[in-house]
Amino acid sequence: MILETERLLLRPFQVCDAEDVYAYLHEPAVHCFASMKLRSLEETRAEMERRAEETEYYFAIVLKETGKVIGEIEAYPETEAPEDESRDTFNPCWMLNLAYAGKGYAFEAAHAFFAYLFREKGARRIYAYTEEDNRPSQRLCERLGMRREGLFLEFVSFVQNPDGTPLYENTYQYAILKREWEAKWGGKTP
């Protein structure tokens, strides 16, 4: 599956993406991605081999003009319980190489991905978490039409304080329902 926007392709990862991915995952910019840190180009190549098998819910964000991978976006259907087969709720995660931030690429990619999840994958609800201090991600959620549902205090820890204790993050949750998405965007592209 390949999704196309004006300036981007969202496509499955390829092994040849390793250098581009290592550029932003050798030192993840946001704490929630700390566990995704890649320590070497060899480790990144192995990760790209693993990711190359995922063609439905995990995409590289690629500049059309140059073929450079500038980030990634993913979401998998969730279930409340093993017997729940609706699988119509998604929690996307996006990450962009900071060198490409502030140029509208994250919005362009997320908009295309949300449209795909709602129209092709049967999403009823999409929700996202963002750290309280991550204003760019909050603005992206708001620009997509998501509403802020709440603030979870000391919700989760991804890294440790200098003394080795967990650093707990305050986290906002945003969400949008399919009917809200259709009312805002319908068949329009931004």
C-alpha atoms as a PDB file:
ATOM      1  CA  MET A   1       0.000   0.000   0.000  1.00  0.00           C
ATOM      2  CA  ILE A   2       1.283   3.458  -0.903  1.00  0.00           C
ATOM      3  CA  LEU A   3      -0.491   6.692   0.037  1.00  0.00           C
ATOM      4  CA  GLU A   4       0.300   9.804  -1.955  1.00  0.00           C
ATOM      5  CA  THR A   5      -0.058  13.484  -1.097  1.00  0.00           C
ATOM      6  CA  GLU A   6       1.069  16.602  -2.892  1.00  0.00           C
ATOM      7  CA  ARG A   7       4.649  16.373  -1.587  1.00  0.00           C
ATOM      8  CA  LEU A   8       4.873  12.982   0.111  1.00  0.00           C
ATOM      9  CA  LEU A   9       4.598   9.253  -0.277  1.00  0.00           C
ATOM     10  CA  LEU A  10       3.611   7.096   2.663  1.00  0.00           C
ATOM     11  CA  ARG A  11       4.961   3.678   1.828  1.00  0.00           C
ATOM     12  CA  PRO A  12       6.264   0.544   3.522  1.00  0.00           C
ATOM     13  CA  PHE A  13       9.822   0.728   4.791  1.00  0.00           C
ATOM     14  CA  GLN A  14      12.695  -0.685   2.749  1.00  0.00           C
ATOM     15  CA  VAL A  15      16.135  -1.814   3.895  1.00  0.00           C
ATOM     16  CA  CYS A  16      17.685   1.034   1.876  1.00  0.00           C
ATOM     17  CA  ASP A  17      15.905   3.503   4.228  1.00  0.00           C
ATOM     18  CA  ALA A  18      18.337   2.701   7.059  1.00  0.00           C
ATOM     19  CA  GLU A  19      20.529   5.816   6.822  1.00  0.00           C
ATOM     20  CA  ASP A  20      17.566   8.190   6.665  1.00  0.00           C
ATOM     21  CA  VAL A  21      15.858   6.499   9.621  1.00  0.00           C
ATOM     22  CA  TYR A  22      19.062   6.388  11.673  1.00  0.00           C
ATOM     23  CA  ALA A  23      19.331  10.169  11.208  1.00  0.00           C
ATOM     24  CA  TYR A  24      16.281  10.710  13.443  1.00  0.00           C
ATOM     25  CA  LEU A  25      16.239   7.572  15.589  1.00  0.00           C
ATOM     26  CA  HIS A  26      19.822   7.600  16.842  1.00  0.00           C
ATOM     27  CA  GLU A  27      18.677  10.330  19.271  1.00  0.00           C
ATOM     28  CA  PRO A  28      14.845  10.463  19.398  1.00  0.00           C
ATOM     29  CA  ALA A  29      13.671  14.031  20.001  1.00  0.00           C
ATOM     30  CA  VAL A  30      10.678  13.156  22.202  1.00  0.00           C
ATOM     31  CA  HIS A  31      10.773  10.985  25.327  1.00  0.00           C
ATOM     32  CA  CYS A  32       7.976   8.694  24.149  1.00  0.00           C
ATOM     33  CA  PHE A  33      10.257   7.420  21.382  1.00  0.00           C
ATOM     34  CA  ALA A  34      13.186   6.626  23.704  1.00  0.00           C
ATOM     35  CA  SER A  35      12.557   2.883  23.422  1.00  0.00           C
ATOM     36  CA  MET A  36      12.877   3.123  19.626  1.00  0.00           C
ATOM     37  CA  LYS A  37      16.421   4.494  19.800  1.00  0.00           C
ATOM     38  CA  LEU A  38      18.780   2.824  17.319  1.00  0.00           C
ATOM     39  CA  ARG A  39      22.421   2.626  18.317  1.00  0.00           C
ATOM     40  CA  SER A  40      24.077   1.823  14.994  1.00  0.00           C
ATOM     41  CA  LEU A  41      23.492   1.675  11.277  1.00  0.00           C
ATOM     42  CA  GLU A  42      23.667  -2.137  11.481  1.00  0.00           C
ATOM     43  CA  GLU A  43      20.901  -2.157  14.098  1.00  0.00           C
ATOM     44  CA  THR A  44      18.903   0.205  11.884  1.00  0.00           C
ATOM     45  CA  ARG A  45      19.257  -2.083   8.851  1.00  0.00           C
ATOM     46  CA  ALA A  46      17.963  -5.017  10.901  1.00  0.00           C
ATOM     47  CA  GLU A  47      15.048  -2.863  12.063  1.00  0.00           C
ATOM     48  CA  MET A  48      14.290  -1.905   8.445  1.00  0.00           C
ATOM     49  CA  GLU A  49      14.204  -5.590   7.464  1.00  0.00           C
ATOM     50  CA  ARG A  50      11.650  -6.179  10.210  1.00  0.00           C
ATOM     51  CA  ARG A  51       9.588  -3.119   9.252  1.00  0.00           C
ATOM     52  CA  ALA A  52       9.646  -3.993   5.538  1.00  0.00           C
ATOM     53  CA  GLU A  53       7.258  -6.850   6.304  1.00  0.00           C
ATOM     54  CA  GLU A  54       4.605  -4.402   7.569  1.00  0.00           C
ATOM     55  CA  THR A  55       2.714  -3.021   4.587  1.00  0.00           C
ATOM     56  CA  GLU A  56      -0.656  -2.073   6.032  1.00  0.00           C
ATOM     57  CA  TYR A  57      -0.304   0.048   9.183  1.00  0.00           C
ATOM     58  CA  TYR A  58       3.326   1.252   9.405  1.00  0.00           C
ATOM     59  CA  PHE A  59       4.622   3.709   6.816  1.00  0.00           C
ATOM     60  CA  ALA A  60       7.753   5.648   6.013  1.00  0.00           C
ATOM     61  CA  ILE A  61       7.083   9.326   5.265  1.00  0.00           C
ATOM     62  CA  VAL A  62       9.033  10.014   2.070  1.00  0.00           C
ATOM     63  CA  LEU A  63       9.668  13.222   0.143  1.00  0.00           C
ATOM     64  CA  LYS A  64       8.418  12.626  -3.410  1.00  0.00           C
ATOM     65  CA  GLU A  65      10.999  14.936  -4.926  1.00  0.00           C
ATOM     66  CA  THR A  66      14.083  13.254  -3.443  1.00  0.00           C
ATOM     67  CA  GLY A  67      12.975   9.855  -2.114  1.00  0.00           C
ATOM     68  CA  LYS A  68      14.348  10.756   1.340  1.00  0.00           C
ATOM     69  CA  VAL A  69      12.636   9.238   4.370  1.00  0.00           C
ATOM     70  CA  ILE A  70      11.862  12.104   6.748  1.00  0.00           C
ATOM     71  CA  GLY A  71       9.735  10.285   9.311  1.00  0.00           C
ATOM     72  CA  GLU A  72       7.203   7.609  10.037  1.00  0.00           C
ATOM     73  CA  ILE A  73       3.584   7.091  10.983  1.00  0.00           C
ATOM     74  CA  GLU A  74       1.793   4.036  12.278  1.00  0.00           C
ATOM     75  CA  ALA A  75      -1.343   2.802  13.993  1.00  0.00           C
ATOM     76  CA  TYR A  76      -2.815  -0.625  14.566  1.00  0.00           C
ATOM     77  CA  PRO A  77      -6.438  -1.511  15.285  1.00  0.00           C
ATOM     78  CA  GLU A  78      -7.165  -1.972  18.971  1.00  0.00           C
ATOM     79  CA  THR A  79      -9.630  -4.198  20.761  1.00  0.00           C
ATOM     80  CA  GLU A  80     -11.073  -3.815  24.228  1.00  0.00           C
ATOM     81  CA  ALA A  81     -11.013  -7.553  24.883  1.00  0.00           C
ATOM     82  CA  PRO A  82      -9.934 -10.677  22.982  1.00  0.00           C
ATOM     83  CA  GLU A  83     -13.550 -11.429  22.033  1.00  0.00           C
ATOM     84  CA  ASP A  84     -14.025  -7.891  20.634  1.00  0.00           C
ATOM     85  CA  GLU A  85     -13.697  -8.121  16.882  1.00  0.00           C
ATOM     86  CA  SER A  86     -14.722  -4.559  15.995  1.00  0.00           C
ATOM     87  CA  ARG A  87     -11.090  -3.353  15.799  1.00  0.00           C
ATOM     88  CA  ASP A  88     -12.287   0.123  14.841  1.00  0.00           C
ATOM     89  CA  THR A  89     -10.194   2.247  17.224  1.00  0.00           C
ATOM     90  CA  PHE A  90      -6.666   3.381  16.329  1.00  0.00           C
ATOM     91  CA  ASN A  91      -3.934   5.184  18.274  1.00  0.00           C
ATOM     92  CA  PRO A  92      -1.498   6.644  15.732  1.00  0.00           C
ATOM     93  CA  CYS A  93       2.079   7.540  16.403  1.00  0.00           C
ATOM     94  CA  TRP A  94       4.068   9.909  14.202  1.00  0.00           C
ATOM     95  CA  MET A  95       7.648  11.040  14.208  1.00  0.00           C
ATOM     96  CA  LEU A  96       9.496  13.429  11.926  1.00  0.00           C
ATOM     97  CA  ASN A  97      13.175  14.154  11.472  1.00  0.00           C
ATOM     98  CA  LEU A  98      13.539  17.540  13.213  1.00  0.00           C
ATOM     99  CA  ALA A  99      15.322  18.932  10.142  1.00  0.00           C
ATOM    100  CA  TYR A 100      11.941  18.753   8.355  1.00  0.00           C
ATOM    101  CA  ALA A 101       9.734  20.052  11.167  1.00  0.00           C
ATOM    102  CA  GLY A 102       7.661  23.185  10.731  1.00  0.00           C
ATOM    103  CA  LYS A 103       7.109  22.714   6.988  1.00  0.00           C
ATOM    104  CA  GLY A 104       3.661  21.080   7.124  1.00  0.00           C
ATOM    105  CA  TYR A 105       4.919  17.574   6.346  1.00  0.00           C
ATOM    106  CA  ALA A 106       3.579  16.046   9.576  1.00  0.00           C
ATOM    107  CA  PHE A 107       0.110  17.451   8.888  1.00  0.00           C
ATOM    108  CA  GLU A 108       0.182  16.316   5.262  1.00  0.00           C
ATOM    109  CA  ALA A 109       1.211  12.788   6.267  1.00  0.00           C
ATOM    110  CA  ALA A 110      -1.182  12.521   9.227  1.00  0.00           C
ATOM    111  CA  HIS A 111      -4.114  13.827   7.186  1.00  0.00           C
ATOM    112  CA  ALA A 112      -3.540  11.221   4.474  1.00  0.00           C
ATOM    113  CA  PHE A 113      -3.044   8.486   7.066  1.00  0.00           C
ATOM    114  CA  PHE A 114      -6.218   9.403   9.001  1.00  0.00           C
ATOM    115  CA  ALA A 115      -8.229   9.453   5.761  1.00  0.00           C
ATOM    116  CA  TYR A 116      -6.831   5.985   4.971  1.00  0.00           C
ATOM    117  CA  LEU A 117      -7.729   4.646   8.421  1.00  0.00           C
ATOM    118  CA  PHE A 118     -11.269   6.031   8.288  1.00  0.00           C
ATOM    119  CA  ARG A 119     -12.050   5.149   4.672  1.00  0.00           C
ATOM    120  CA  GLU A 120     -10.038   1.996   4.034  1.00  0.00           C
ATOM    121  CA  LYS A 121      -9.517   0.389   7.438  1.00  0.00           C
ATOM    122  CA  GLY A 122     -12.900   0.978   9.048  1.00  0.00           C
ATOM    123  CA  ALA A 123     -11.764   3.312  11.802  1.00  0.00           C
ATOM    124  CA  ARG A 124     -14.576   4.663  13.958  1.00  0.00           C
ATOM    125  CA  ARG A 125     -12.319   6.523  16.396  1.00  0.00           C
ATOM    126  CA  ILE A 126      -8.728   7.726  16.271  1.00  0.00           C
ATOM    127  CA  TYR A 127      -7.036   9.001  19.414  1.00  0.00           C
ATOM    128  CA  ALA A 128      -3.532  10.250  20.137  1.00  0.00           C
ATOM    129  CA  TYR A 129      -1.407  10.934  23.172  1.00  0.00           C
ATOM    130  CA  THR A 130       1.050  13.814  23.353  1.00  0.00           C
ATOM    131  CA  GLU A 131       3.262  15.005  26.156  1.00  0.00           C
ATOM    132  CA  GLU A 132       2.134  18.203  27.876  1.00  0.00           C
ATOM    133  CA  ASP A 133       5.250  20.060  26.693  1.00  0.00           C
ATOM    134  CA  ASN A 134       5.044  18.874  23.053  1.00  0.00           C
ATOM    135  CA  ARG A 135       3.159  21.856  21.588  1.00  0.00           C
ATOM    136  CA  PRO A 136       3.943  20.972  17.934  1.00  0.00           C
ATOM    137  CA  SER A 137       2.205  17.612  18.320  1.00  0.00           C
ATOM    138  CA  GLN A 138      -0.735  19.210  20.129  1.00  0.00           C
ATOM    139  CA  ARG A 139      -1.109  21.776  17.336  1.00  0.00           C
ATOM    140  CA  LEU A 140      -1.020  18.958  14.783  1.00  0.00           C
ATOM    141  CA  CYS A 141      -3.834  17.146  16.585  1.00  0.00           C
ATOM    142  CA  GLU A 142      -5.889  20.342  16.708  1.00  0.00           C
ATOM    143  CA  ARG A 143      -5.241  21.149  13.047  1.00  0.00           C
ATOM    144  CA  LEU A 144      -6.451  17.650  12.119  1.00  0.00           C
ATOM    145  CA  GLY A 145      -9.722  18.421  13.912  1.00  0.00           C
ATOM    146  CA  MET A 146      -9.085  16.300  16.986  1.00  0.00           C
ATOM    147  CA  ARG A 147     -10.533  17.482  20.264  1.00  0.00           C
ATOM    148  CA  ARG A 148      -8.603  17.467  23.515  1.00  0.00           C
ATOM    149  CA  GLU A 149     -10.258  14.897  25.765  1.00  0.00           C
ATOM    150  CA  GLY A 150      -8.157  15.185  28.866  1.00  0.00           C
ATOM    151  CA  LEU A 151      -4.881  15.649  30.658  1.00  0.00           C
ATOM    152  CA  PHE A 152      -3.447  12.641  32.490  1.00  0.00           C
ATOM    153  CA  LEU A 153      -1.104  13.760  35.265  1.00  0.00           C
ATOM    154  CA  GLU A 154       2.090  11.736  35.711  1.00  0.00           C
ATOM    155  CA  PHE A 155       0.591   9.289  33.221  1.00  0.00           C
ATOM    156  CA  VAL A 156       3.623   7.380  31.972  1.00  0.00           C
ATOM    157  CA  SER A 157       7.393   7.281  32.168  1.00  0.00           C
ATOM    158  CA  PHE A 158       9.650   6.754  29.154  1.00  0.00           C
ATOM    159  CA  VAL A 159      12.968   7.931  30.622  1.00  0.00           C
ATOM    160  CA  GLN A 160      14.578   8.326  34.017  1.00  0.00           C
ATOM    161  CA  ASN A 161      15.595  11.317  36.088  1.00  0.00           C
ATOM    162  CA  PRO A 162      19.327  11.788  36.767  1.00  0.00           C
ATOM    163  CA  ASP A 163      18.864   9.970  40.089  1.00  0.00           C
ATOM    164  CA  GLY A 164      17.472   6.885  38.307  1.00  0.00           C
ATOM    165  CA  THR A 165      13.836   7.358  39.310  1.00  0.00           C
ATOM    166  CA  PRO A 166      11.158   7.388  36.602  1.00  0.00           C
ATOM    167  CA  LEU A 167      10.408  10.761  34.988  1.00  0.00           C
ATOM    168  CA  TYR A 168       6.626  10.751  34.730  1.00  0.00           C
ATOM    169  CA  GLU A 169       5.065  12.723  31.870  1.00  0.00           C
ATOM    170  CA  ASN A 170       1.813  14.662  31.940  1.00  0.00           C
ATOM    171  CA  THR A 171      -0.004  13.555  28.810  1.00  0.00           C
ATOM    172  CA  TYR A 172      -2.871  14.993  26.769  1.00  0.00           C
ATOM    173  CA  GLN A 173      -5.270  12.751  24.913  1.00  0.00           C
ATOM    174  CA  TYR A 174      -6.870  13.945  21.672  1.00  0.00           C
ATOM    175  CA  ALA A 175      -9.484  12.124  19.596  1.00  0.00           C
ATOM    176  CA  ILE A 176     -11.667  12.361  16.541  1.00  0.00           C
ATOM    177  CA  LEU A 177     -14.606  10.204  15.463  1.00  0.00           C
ATOM    178  CA  LYS A 178     -15.241   9.235  11.863  1.00  0.00           C
ATOM    179  CA  ARG A 179     -18.372  11.393  11.728  1.00  0.00           C
ATOM    180  CA  GLU A 180     -16.359  14.384  13.016  1.00  0.00           C
ATOM    181  CA  TRP A 181     -13.641  13.731  10.425  1.00  0.00           C
ATOM    182  CA  GLU A 182     -16.195  13.551   7.608  1.00  0.00           C
ATOM    183  CA  ALA A 183     -17.904  16.734   8.788  1.00  0.00           C
ATOM    184  CA  LYS A 184     -14.588  18.589   8.842  1.00  0.00           C
ATOM    185  CA  TRP A 185     -12.823  17.122   5.812  1.00  0.00           C
ATOM    186  CA  GLY A 186     -15.358  15.110   3.790  1.00  0.00           C
ATOM    187  CA  GLY A 187     -13.568  14.424   0.519  1.00  0.00           C
ATOM    188  CA  LYS A 188     -11.491  17.591   0.791  1.00  0.00           C
ATOM    189  CA  THR A 189      -7.741  17.668   0.914  1.00  0.00           C
ATOM    190  CA  PRO A 190      -6.210  20.421   3.017  1.00  0.00           C
END
